[in-house]
Amino acid sequence: MTTALVLAMPDFSQSFVVEIDACGRGIGIVLMQGGRLIAYLSKAIATQNLGLSTYEKEFLALLLAITKWRHYLQGSHFIIRIDQKSLKHIFEQRLDSVL
């Protein structure tokens, strides 16, 4: 990045979008709303987790995102976007519980 990011204020009456990506050595996560960036997070994958599959790394990133941004997501509708095809079946399930 060559310029500073401008973060938007959240509107709790609208849905949030959590976008996740994991690669060999790190994860990147963004929290967005209406195409505007609310928060972002990147983290190196711990040495003991480097041997995990991409599926497992993406799932760990999802858990980190929900834990880190719980104050935004709890009680709100949110969409998870992830590029890992092997996780597709998880997101096709209907969950009736609330965080």
PDB file of N, CA and C in Angstrom:
ATOM      1  N   MET A   1       0.829  -1.185   0.000  1.00  0.00           N
ATOM      2  CA  MET A   1       0.000   0.000   0.000  1.00  0.00           C
ATOM      3  C   MET A   1       0.872   1.245   0.000  1.00  0.00           C
ATOM      4  N   THR A   2       0.475   2.189  -0.789  1.00  0.00           N
ATOM      5  CA  THR A   2       1.242   3.428  -0.851  1.00  0.00           C
ATOM      6  C   THR A   2       0.520   4.583  -0.187  1.00  0.00           C
ATOM      7  N   THR A   3      -0.760   4.403   0.121  1.00  0.00           N
ATOM      8  CA  THR A   3      -1.515   5.454   0.791  1.00  0.00           C
ATOM      9  C   THR A   3      -2.177   4.889   2.037  1.00  0.00           C
ATOM     10  N   ALA A   4      -2.469   5.767   2.969  1.00  0.00           N
ATOM     11  CA  ALA A   4      -3.132   5.347   4.204  1.00  0.00           C
ATOM     12  C   ALA A   4      -4.584   4.978   3.918  1.00  0.00           C
ATOM     13  N   LEU A   5      -5.047   3.930   4.578  1.00  0.00           N
ATOM     14  CA  LEU A   5      -6.433   3.510   4.418  1.00  0.00           C
ATOM     15  C   LEU A   5      -7.355   4.398   5.243  1.00  0.00           C
ATOM     16  N   VAL A   6      -8.530   4.641   4.722  1.00  0.00           N
ATOM     17  CA  VAL A   6      -9.542   5.394   5.451  1.00  0.00           C
ATOM     18  C   VAL A   6     -10.610   4.397   5.877  1.00  0.00           C
ATOM     19  N   LEU A   7     -10.825   4.286   7.176  1.00  0.00           N
ATOM     20  CA  LEU A   7     -11.814   3.356   7.698  1.00  0.00           C
ATOM     21  C   LEU A   7     -13.145   4.064   7.876  1.00  0.00           C
ATOM     22  N   ALA A   8     -14.216   3.353   7.556  1.00  0.00           N
ATOM     23  CA  ALA A   8     -15.563   3.909   7.695  1.00  0.00           C
ATOM     24  C   ALA A   8     -16.134   3.539   9.060  1.00  0.00           C
ATOM     25  N   MET A   9     -17.075   4.317   9.520  1.00  0.00           N
ATOM     26  CA  MET A   9     -17.800   4.006  10.756  1.00  0.00           C
ATOM     27  C   MET A   9     -18.863   2.960  10.438  1.00  0.00           C
ATOM     28  N   PRO A  10     -19.044   1.976  11.314  1.00  0.00           N
ATOM     29  CA  PRO A  10     -20.056   0.948  11.047  1.00  0.00           C
ATOM     30  C   PRO A  10     -21.474   1.473  11.246  1.00  0.00           C
ATOM     31  N   ASP A  11     -22.396   0.908  10.481  1.00  0.00           N
ATOM     32  CA  ASP A  11     -23.825   1.179  10.623  1.00  0.00           C
ATOM     33  C   ASP A  11     -24.461  -0.144  11.041  1.00  0.00           C
ATOM     34  N   PHE A  12     -24.842  -0.258  12.295  1.00  0.00           N
ATOM     35  CA  PHE A  12     -25.321  -1.528  12.829  1.00  0.00           C
ATOM     36  C   PHE A  12     -26.704  -1.916  12.317  1.00  0.00           C
ATOM     37  N   SER A  13     -27.321  -1.076  11.516  1.00  0.00           N
ATOM     38  CA  SER A  13     -28.602  -1.440  10.905  1.00  0.00           C
ATOM     39  C   SER A  13     -28.395  -2.149   9.560  1.00  0.00           C
ATOM     40  N   GLN A  14     -27.144  -2.219   9.095  1.00  0.00           N
ATOM     41  CA  GLN A  14     -26.827  -2.871   7.821  1.00  0.00           C
ATOM     42  C   GLN A  14     -25.985  -4.124   8.058  1.00  0.00           C
ATOM     43  N   SER A  15     -25.961  -5.003   7.060  1.00  0.00           N
ATOM     44  CA  SER A  15     -25.161  -6.229   7.125  1.00  0.00           C
ATOM     45  C   SER A  15     -23.673  -5.916   7.000  1.00  0.00           C
ATOM     46  N   PHE A  16     -22.861  -6.754   7.610  1.00  0.00           N
ATOM     47  CA  PHE A  16     -21.412  -6.689   7.477  1.00  0.00           C
ATOM     48  C   PHE A  16     -20.960  -7.784   6.518  1.00  0.00           C
ATOM     49  N   VAL A  17     -19.780  -7.598   5.930  1.00  0.00           N
ATOM     50  CA  VAL A  17     -19.158  -8.614   5.082  1.00  0.00           C
ATOM     51  C   VAL A  17     -17.765  -8.875   5.638  1.00  0.00           C
ATOM     52  N   VAL A  18     -17.463 -10.145   5.890  1.00  0.00           N
ATOM     53  CA  VAL A  18     -16.137 -10.561   6.336  1.00  0.00           C
ATOM     54  C   VAL A  18     -15.488 -11.303   5.169  1.00  0.00           C
ATOM     55  N   GLU A  19     -14.370 -10.783   4.667  1.00  0.00           N
ATOM     56  CA  GLU A  19     -13.644 -11.434   3.570  1.00  0.00           C
ATOM     57  C   GLU A  19     -12.352 -12.012   4.124  1.00  0.00           C
ATOM     58  N   ILE A  20     -12.107 -13.278   3.787  1.00  0.00           N
ATOM     59  CA  ILE A  20     -10.984 -14.018   4.362  1.00  0.00           C
ATOM     60  C   ILE A  20     -10.128 -14.606   3.250  1.00  0.00           C
ATOM     61  N   ASP A  21      -8.807 -14.549   3.446  1.00  0.00           N
ATOM     62  CA  ASP A  21      -7.892 -15.229   2.533  1.00  0.00           C
ATOM     63  C   ASP A  21      -6.712 -15.749   3.344  1.00  0.00           C
ATOM     64  N   ALA A  22      -6.301 -16.959   3.055  1.00  0.00           N
ATOM     65  CA  ALA A  22      -5.135 -17.552   3.705  1.00  0.00           C
ATOM     66  C   ALA A  22      -4.201 -18.072   2.627  1.00  0.00           C
ATOM     67  N   CYS A  23      -2.921 -17.944   2.887  1.00  0.00           N
ATOM     68  CA  CYS A  23      -1.929 -18.487   1.963  1.00  0.00           C
ATOM     69  C   CYS A  23      -0.929 -19.289   2.781  1.00  0.00           C
ATOM     70  N   GLY A  24       0.166 -19.642   2.191  1.00  0.00           N
ATOM     71  CA  GLY A  24       1.145 -20.494   2.856  1.00  0.00           C
ATOM     72  C   GLY A  24       1.617 -20.001   4.207  1.00  0.00           C
ATOM     73  N   ARG A  25       1.873 -18.708   4.343  1.00  0.00           N
ATOM     74  CA  ARG A  25       2.476 -18.202   5.572  1.00  0.00           C
ATOM     75  C   ARG A  25       1.662 -17.149   6.317  1.00  0.00           C
ATOM     76  N   GLY A  26       0.503 -16.768   5.791  1.00  0.00           N
ATOM     77  CA  GLY A  26      -0.250 -15.724   6.468  1.00  0.00           C
ATOM     78  C   GLY A  26      -1.720 -15.723   6.124  1.00  0.00           C
ATOM     79  N   ILE A  27      -2.454 -14.887   6.864  1.00  0.00           N
ATOM     80  CA  ILE A  27      -3.880 -14.709   6.612  1.00  0.00           C
ATOM     81  C   ILE A  27      -4.187 -13.221   6.511  1.00  0.00           C
ATOM     82  N   GLY A  28      -5.207 -12.909   5.746  1.00  0.00           N
ATOM     83  CA  GLY A  28      -5.689 -11.542   5.623  1.00  0.00           C
ATOM     84  C   GLY A  28      -7.200 -11.547   5.764  1.00  0.00           C
ATOM     85  N   ILE A  29      -7.723 -10.613   6.534  1.00  0.00           N
ATOM     86  CA  ILE A  29      -9.157 -10.549   6.790  1.00  0.00           C
ATOM     87  C   ILE A  29      -9.582  -9.085   6.732  1.00  0.00           C
ATOM     88  N   VAL A  30     -10.708  -8.816   6.091  1.00  0.00           N
ATOM     89  CA  VAL A  30     -11.263  -7.465   6.098  1.00  0.00           C
ATOM     90  C   VAL A  30     -12.721  -7.520   6.520  1.00  0.00           C
ATOM     91  N   LEU A  31     -13.148  -6.496   7.222  1.00  0.00           N
ATOM     92  CA  LEU A  31     -14.541  -6.312   7.605  1.00  0.00           C
ATOM     93  C   LEU A  31     -15.050  -5.117   6.819  1.00  0.00           C
ATOM     94  N   MET A  32     -16.102  -5.345   6.039  1.00  0.00           N
ATOM     95  CA  MET A  32     -16.620  -4.299   5.163  1.00  0.00           C
ATOM     96  C   MET A  32     -18.120  -4.137   5.358  1.00  0.00           C
ATOM     97  N   GLN A  33     -18.598  -3.026   4.851  1.00  0.00           N
ATOM     98  CA  GLN A  33     -20.027  -2.745   4.883  1.00  0.00           C
ATOM     99  C   GLN A  33     -20.330  -1.785   3.740  1.00  0.00           C
ATOM    100  N   GLY A  34     -21.202  -2.212   2.852  1.00  0.00           N
ATOM    101  CA  GLY A  34     -21.544  -1.369   1.712  1.00  0.00           C
ATOM    102  C   GLY A  34     -20.344  -1.003   0.862  1.00  0.00           C
ATOM    103  N   GLY A  35     -19.372  -1.913   0.748  1.00  0.00           N
ATOM    104  CA  GLY A  35     -18.173  -1.644  -0.037  1.00  0.00           C
ATOM    105  C   GLY A  35     -17.152  -0.762   0.664  1.00  0.00           C
ATOM    106  N   ARG A  36     -17.422  -0.383   1.903  1.00  0.00           N
ATOM    107  CA  ARG A  36     -16.501   0.468   2.669  1.00  0.00           C
ATOM    108  C   ARG A  36     -15.753  -0.369   3.703  1.00  0.00           C
ATOM    109  N   LEU A  37     -14.493  -0.097   3.881  1.00  0.00           N
ATOM    110  CA  LEU A  37     -13.654  -0.816   4.828  1.00  0.00           C
ATOM    111  C   LEU A  37     -13.935  -0.338   6.251  1.00  0.00           C
ATOM    112  N   ILE A  38     -14.263  -1.284   7.128  1.00  0.00           N
ATOM    113  CA  ILE A  38     -14.499  -0.967   8.537  1.00  0.00           C
ATOM    114  C   ILE A  38     -13.250  -1.298   9.359  1.00  0.00           C
ATOM    115  N   ALA A  39     -12.667  -2.477   9.107  1.00  0.00           N
ATOM    116  CA  ALA A  39     -11.477  -2.917   9.839  1.00  0.00           C
ATOM    117  C   ALA A  39     -10.740  -3.948   8.993  1.00  0.00           C
ATOM    118  N   TYR A  40      -9.467  -4.139   9.288  1.00  0.00           N
ATOM    119  CA  TYR A  40      -8.693  -5.151   8.582  1.00  0.00           C
ATOM    120  C   TYR A  40      -7.690  -5.768   9.537  1.00  0.00           C
ATOM    121  N   LEU A  41      -7.223  -6.945   9.171  1.00  0.00           N
ATOM    122  CA  LEU A  41      -6.310  -7.692  10.023  1.00  0.00           C
ATOM    123  C   LEU A  41      -5.466  -8.605   9.148  1.00  0.00           C
ATOM    124  N   SER A  42      -4.184  -8.629   9.393  1.00  0.00           N
ATOM    125  CA  SER A  42      -3.323  -9.619   8.743  1.00  0.00           C
ATOM    126  C   SER A  42      -2.430 -10.210   9.819  1.00  0.00           C
ATOM    127  N   LYS A  43      -2.103 -11.461   9.639  1.00  0.00           N
ATOM    128  CA  LYS A  43      -1.333 -12.143  10.671  1.00  0.00           C
ATOM    129  C   LYS A  43      -0.509 -13.253  10.039  1.00  0.00           C
ATOM    130  N   ALA A  44       0.721 -13.381  10.509  1.00  0.00           N
ATOM    131  CA  ALA A  44       1.556 -14.504  10.083  1.00  0.00           C
ATOM    132  C   ALA A  44       1.038 -15.768  10.754  1.00  0.00           C
ATOM    133  N   ILE A  45       1.109 -16.862  10.044  1.00  0.00           N
ATOM    134  CA  ILE A  45       0.681 -18.141  10.605  1.00  0.00           C
ATOM    135  C   ILE A  45       1.806 -18.676  11.484  1.00  0.00           C
ATOM    136  N   ALA A  46       1.448 -19.086  12.697  1.00  0.00           N
ATOM    137  CA  ALA A  46       2.434 -19.606  13.648  1.00  0.00           C
ATOM    138  C   ALA A  46       3.154 -20.819  13.060  1.00  0.00           C
ATOM    139  N   THR A  47       4.409 -20.969  13.418  1.00  0.00           N
ATOM    140  CA  THR A  47       5.238 -22.051  12.884  1.00  0.00           C
ATOM    141  C   THR A  47       4.569 -23.414  13.028  1.00  0.00           C
ATOM    142  N   GLN A  48       3.952 -23.666  14.177  1.00  0.00           N
ATOM    143  CA  GLN A  48       3.330 -24.973  14.394  1.00  0.00           C
ATOM    144  C   GLN A  48       2.110 -25.192  13.508  1.00  0.00           C
ATOM    145  N   ASN A  49       1.575 -24.137  12.887  1.00  0.00           N
ATOM    146  CA  ASN A  49       0.406 -24.258  12.017  1.00  0.00           C
ATOM    147  C   ASN A  49       0.745 -24.198  10.529  1.00  0.00           C
ATOM    148  N   LEU A  50       2.019 -24.058  10.188  1.00  0.00           N
ATOM    149  CA  LEU A  50       2.401 -23.953   8.778  1.00  0.00           C
ATOM    150  C   LEU A  50       2.072 -25.211   7.987  1.00  0.00           C
ATOM    151  N   GLY A  51       2.026 -26.352   8.636  1.00  0.00           N
ATOM    152  CA  GLY A  51       1.734 -27.609   7.958  1.00  0.00           C
ATOM    153  C   GLY A  51       0.256 -27.865   7.733  1.00  0.00           C
ATOM    154  N   LEU A  52      -0.604 -26.977   8.214  1.00  0.00           N
ATOM    155  CA  LEU A  52      -2.044 -27.155   8.027  1.00  0.00           C
ATOM    156  C   LEU A  52      -2.420 -26.985   6.561  1.00  0.00           C
ATOM    157  N   SER A  53      -3.508 -27.598   6.180  1.00  0.00           N
ATOM    158  CA  SER A  53      -4.018 -27.420   4.817  1.00  0.00           C
ATOM    159  C   SER A  53      -4.591 -26.013   4.674  1.00  0.00           C
ATOM    160  N   THR A  54      -4.782 -25.583   3.443  1.00  0.00           N
ATOM    161  CA  THR A  54      -5.391 -24.271   3.205  1.00  0.00           C
ATOM    162  C   THR A  54      -6.782 -24.225   3.823  1.00  0.00           C
ATOM    163  N   TYR A  55      -7.514 -25.323   3.728  1.00  0.00           N
ATOM    164  CA  TYR A  55      -8.840 -25.438   4.351  1.00  0.00           C
ATOM    165  C   TYR A  55      -8.764 -25.087   5.834  1.00  0.00           C
ATOM    166  N   GLU A  56      -7.806 -25.683   6.540  1.00  0.00           N
ATOM    167  CA  GLU A  56      -7.677 -25.459   7.980  1.00  0.00           C
ATOM    168  C   GLU A  56      -7.222 -24.032   8.290  1.00  0.00           C
ATOM    169  N   LYS A  57      -6.328 -23.488   7.473  1.00  0.00           N
ATOM    170  CA  LYS A  57      -5.870 -22.112   7.681  1.00  0.00           C
ATOM    171  C   LYS A  57      -7.011 -21.122   7.475  1.00  0.00           C
ATOM    172  N   GLU A  58      -7.840 -21.359   6.469  1.00  0.00           N
ATOM    173  CA  GLU A  58      -8.981 -20.472   6.220  1.00  0.00           C
ATOM    174  C   GLU A  58      -9.982 -20.561   7.372  1.00  0.00           C
ATOM    175  N   PHE A  59     -10.180 -21.758   7.895  1.00  0.00           N
ATOM    176  CA  PHE A  59     -11.103 -21.920   9.014  1.00  0.00           C
ATOM    177  C   PHE A  59     -10.566 -21.217  10.261  1.00  0.00           C
ATOM    178  N   LEU A  60      -9.259 -21.316  10.518  1.00  0.00           N
ATOM    179  CA  LEU A  60      -8.661 -20.588  11.642  1.00  0.00           C
ATOM    180  C   LEU A  60      -8.824 -19.081  11.459  1.00  0.00           C
ATOM    181  N   ALA A  61      -8.671 -18.609  10.229  1.00  0.00           N
ATOM    182  CA  ALA A  61      -8.857 -17.185   9.943  1.00  0.00           C
ATOM    183  C   ALA A  61     -10.295 -16.765  10.225  1.00  0.00           C
ATOM    184  N   LEU A  62     -11.247 -17.616   9.873  1.00  0.00           N
ATOM    185  CA  LEU A  62     -12.652 -17.331  10.152  1.00  0.00           C
ATOM    186  C   LEU A  62     -12.899 -17.227  11.653  1.00  0.00           C
ATOM    187  N   LEU A  63     -12.361 -18.164  12.418  1.00  0.00           N
ATOM    188  CA  LEU A  63     -12.515 -18.118  13.875  1.00  0.00           C
ATOM    189  C   LEU A  63     -11.885 -16.854  14.459  1.00  0.00           C
ATOM    190  N   LEU A  64     -10.716 -16.480  13.947  1.00  0.00           N
ATOM    191  CA  LEU A  64     -10.054 -15.260  14.408  1.00  0.00           C
ATOM    192  C   LEU A  64     -10.909 -14.034  14.107  1.00  0.00           C
ATOM    193  N   ALA A  65     -11.471 -13.972  12.907  1.00  0.00           N
ATOM    194  CA  ALA A  65     -12.299 -12.825  12.518  1.00  0.00           C
ATOM    195  C   ALA A  65     -13.521 -12.690  13.418  1.00  0.00           C
ATOM    196  N   ILE A  66     -14.204 -13.793  13.653  1.00  0.00           N
ATOM    197  CA  ILE A  66     -15.416 -13.739  14.478  1.00  0.00           C
ATOM    198  C   ILE A  66     -15.073 -13.381  15.918  1.00  0.00           C
ATOM    199  N   THR A  67     -13.960 -13.904  16.419  1.00  0.00           N
ATOM    200  CA  THR A  67     -13.537 -13.582  17.784  1.00  0.00           C
ATOM    201  C   THR A  67     -13.108 -12.120  17.897  1.00  0.00           C
ATOM    202  N   LYS A  68     -12.292 -11.675  16.954  1.00  0.00           N
ATOM    203  CA  LYS A  68     -11.741 -10.310  16.995  1.00  0.00           C
ATOM    204  C   LYS A  68     -12.831  -9.248  16.835  1.00  0.00           C
ATOM    205  N   TRP A  69     -13.781  -9.499  15.942  1.00  0.00           N
ATOM    206  CA  TRP A  69     -14.800  -8.496  15.629  1.00  0.00           C
ATOM    207  C   TRP A  69     -16.168  -8.858  16.181  1.00  0.00           C
ATOM    208  N   ARG A  70     -16.193  -9.639  17.244  1.00  0.00           N
ATOM    209  CA  ARG A  70     -17.456 -10.063  17.853  1.00  0.00           C
ATOM    210  C   ARG A  70     -18.343  -8.862  18.193  1.00  0.00           C
ATOM    211  N   HIS A  71     -17.745  -7.791  18.674  1.00  0.00           N
ATOM    212  CA  HIS A  71     -18.524  -6.604  19.050  1.00  0.00           C
ATOM    213  C   HIS A  71     -19.232  -5.974  17.847  1.00  0.00           C
ATOM    214  N   TYR A  72     -18.727  -6.184  16.645  1.00  0.00           N
ATOM    215  CA  TYR A  72     -19.417  -5.730  15.437  1.00  0.00           C
ATOM    216  C   TYR A  72     -20.462  -6.744  14.985  1.00  0.00           C
ATOM    217  N   LEU A  73     -20.117  -8.027  15.061  1.00  0.00           N
ATOM    218  CA  LEU A  73     -20.912  -9.075  14.426  1.00  0.00           C
ATOM    219  C   LEU A  73     -22.034  -9.634  15.296  1.00  0.00           C
ATOM    220  N   GLN A  74     -21.864  -9.598  16.603  1.00  0.00           N
ATOM    221  CA  GLN A  74     -22.870 -10.184  17.483  1.00  0.00           C
ATOM    222  C   GLN A  74     -24.203  -9.452  17.346  1.00  0.00           C
ATOM    223  N   GLY A  75     -25.232 -10.200  17.040  1.00  0.00           N
ATOM    224  CA  GLY A  75     -26.561  -9.617  16.884  1.00  0.00           C
ATOM    225  C   GLY A  75     -26.805  -8.977  15.529  1.00  0.00           C
ATOM    226  N   SER A  76     -25.799  -8.997  14.658  1.00  0.00           N
ATOM    227  CA  SER A  76     -25.928  -8.408  13.321  1.00  0.00           C
ATOM    228  C   SER A  76     -25.895  -9.509  12.268  1.00  0.00           C
ATOM    229  N   HIS A  77     -26.525  -9.235  11.140  1.00  0.00           N
ATOM    230  CA  HIS A  77     -26.417 -10.148   9.999  1.00  0.00           C
ATOM    231  C   HIS A  77     -25.076  -9.889   9.345  1.00  0.00           C
ATOM    232  N   PHE A  78     -24.342 -10.966   9.029  1.00  0.00           N
ATOM    233  CA  PHE A  78     -23.084 -10.778   8.314  1.00  0.00           C
ATOM    234  C   PHE A  78     -22.876 -11.887   7.303  1.00  0.00           C
ATOM    235  N   ILE A  79     -22.132 -11.560   6.269  1.00  0.00           N
ATOM    236  CA  ILE A  79     -21.833 -12.465   5.163  1.00  0.00           C
ATOM    237  C   ILE A  79     -20.345 -12.788   5.223  1.00  0.00           C
ATOM    238  N   ILE A  80     -20.017 -14.054   5.016  1.00  0.00           N
ATOM    239  CA  ILE A  80     -18.622 -14.475   4.996  1.00  0.00           C
ATOM    240  C   ILE A  80     -18.250 -14.787   3.553  1.00  0.00           C
ATOM    241  N   ARG A  81     -17.196 -14.149   3.065  1.00  0.00           N
ATOM    242  CA  ARG A  81     -16.688 -14.423   1.717  1.00  0.00           C
ATOM    243  C   ARG A  81     -15.320 -15.069   1.859  1.00  0.00           C
ATOM    244  N   ILE A  82     -15.188 -16.205   1.214  1.00  0.00           N
ATOM    245  CA  ILE A  82     -13.957 -16.972   1.321  1.00  0.00           C
ATOM    246  C   ILE A  82     -13.696 -17.624  -0.030  1.00  0.00           C
ATOM    247  N   ASP A  83     -12.449 -17.713  -0.439  1.00  0.00           N
ATOM    248  CA  ASP A  83     -12.168 -18.264  -1.762  1.00  0.00           C
ATOM    249  C   ASP A  83     -11.862 -19.761  -1.747  1.00  0.00           C
ATOM    250  N   GLN A  84     -11.836 -20.365  -0.592  1.00  0.00           N
ATOM    251  CA  GLN A  84     -11.506 -21.787  -0.493  1.00  0.00           C
ATOM    252  C   GLN A  84     -12.735 -22.638  -0.802  1.00  0.00           C
ATOM    253  N   LYS A  85     -12.709 -23.315  -1.916  1.00  0.00           N
ATOM    254  CA  LYS A  85     -13.862 -24.105  -2.371  1.00  0.00           C
ATOM    255  C   LYS A  85     -14.208 -25.253  -1.427  1.00  0.00           C
ATOM    256  N   SER A  86     -13.217 -25.783  -0.712  1.00  0.00           N
ATOM    257  CA  SER A  86     -13.483 -26.912   0.171  1.00  0.00           C
ATOM    258  C   SER A  86     -14.323 -26.530   1.385  1.00  0.00           C
ATOM    259  N   LEU A  87     -14.453 -25.239   1.673  1.00  0.00           N
ATOM    260  CA  LEU A  87     -15.293 -24.796   2.788  1.00  0.00           C
ATOM    261  C   LEU A  87     -16.724 -24.507   2.350  1.00  0.00           C
ATOM    262  N   LYS A  88     -17.006 -24.654   1.068  1.00  0.00           N
ATOM    263  CA  LYS A  88     -18.312 -24.285   0.538  1.00  0.00           C
ATOM    264  C   LYS A  88     -19.458 -24.967   1.281  1.00  0.00           C
ATOM    265  N   HIS A  89     -19.315 -26.237   1.600  1.00  0.00           N
ATOM    266  CA  HIS A  89     -20.406 -26.964   2.258  1.00  0.00           C
ATOM    267  C   HIS A  89     -20.747 -26.397   3.635  1.00  0.00           C
ATOM    268  N   ILE A  90     -19.770 -25.821   4.325  1.00  0.00           N
ATOM    269  CA  ILE A  90     -20.030 -25.237   5.642  1.00  0.00           C
ATOM    270  C   ILE A  90     -21.003 -24.070   5.515  1.00  0.00           C
ATOM    271  N   PHE A  91     -20.830 -23.259   4.491  1.00  0.00           N
ATOM    272  CA  PHE A  91     -21.631 -22.054   4.350  1.00  0.00           C
ATOM    273  C   PHE A  91     -22.991 -22.308   3.722  1.00  0.00           C
ATOM    274  N   GLU A  92     -23.227 -23.519   3.259  1.00  0.00           N
ATOM    275  CA  GLU A  92     -24.537 -23.852   2.713  1.00  0.00           C
ATOM    276  C   GLU A  92     -25.501 -24.319   3.796  1.00  0.00           C
ATOM    277  N   GLN A  93     -25.016 -24.459   5.024  1.00  0.00           N
ATOM    278  CA  GLN A  93     -25.862 -24.899   6.126  1.00  0.00           C
ATOM    279  C   GLN A  93     -26.630 -23.716   6.700  1.00  0.00           C
ATOM    280  N   ARG A  94     -27.828 -23.991   7.156  1.00  0.00           N
ATOM    281  CA  ARG A  94     -28.651 -22.963   7.801  1.00  0.00           C
ATOM    282  C   ARG A  94     -28.429 -23.060   9.301  1.00  0.00           C
ATOM    283  N   LEU A  95     -27.934 -21.996   9.903  1.00  0.00           N
ATOM    284  CA  LEU A  95     -27.697 -21.958  11.340  1.00  0.00           C
ATOM    285  C   LEU A  95     -28.757 -21.088  11.990  1.00  0.00           C
ATOM    286  N   ASP A  96     -29.420 -21.634  12.992  1.00  0.00           N
ATOM    287  CA  ASP A  96     -30.486 -20.890  13.657  1.00  0.00           C
ATOM    288  C   ASP A  96     -30.045 -20.257  14.966  1.00  0.00           C
ATOM    289  N   SER A  97     -28.844 -20.544  15.430  1.00  0.00           N
ATOM    290  CA  SER A  97     -28.398 -19.981  16.699  1.00  0.00           C
ATOM    291  C   SER A  97     -27.802 -18.594  16.478  1.00  0.00           C
ATOM    292  N   VAL A  98     -27.852 -17.789  17.524  1.00  0.00           N
ATOM    293  CA  VAL A  98     -27.313 -16.434  17.486  1.00  0.00           C
ATOM    294  C   VAL A  98     -26.050 -16.417  18.326  1.00  0.00           C
ATOM    295  N   LEU A  99     -25.021 -15.674  17.873  1.00  0.00           N
ATOM    296  CA  LEU A  99     -23.783 -15.551  18.654  1.00  0.00           C
ATOM    297  C   LEU A  99     -24.053 -15.000  20.022  1.00  0.00           C
TER     298      LEU A  99
END
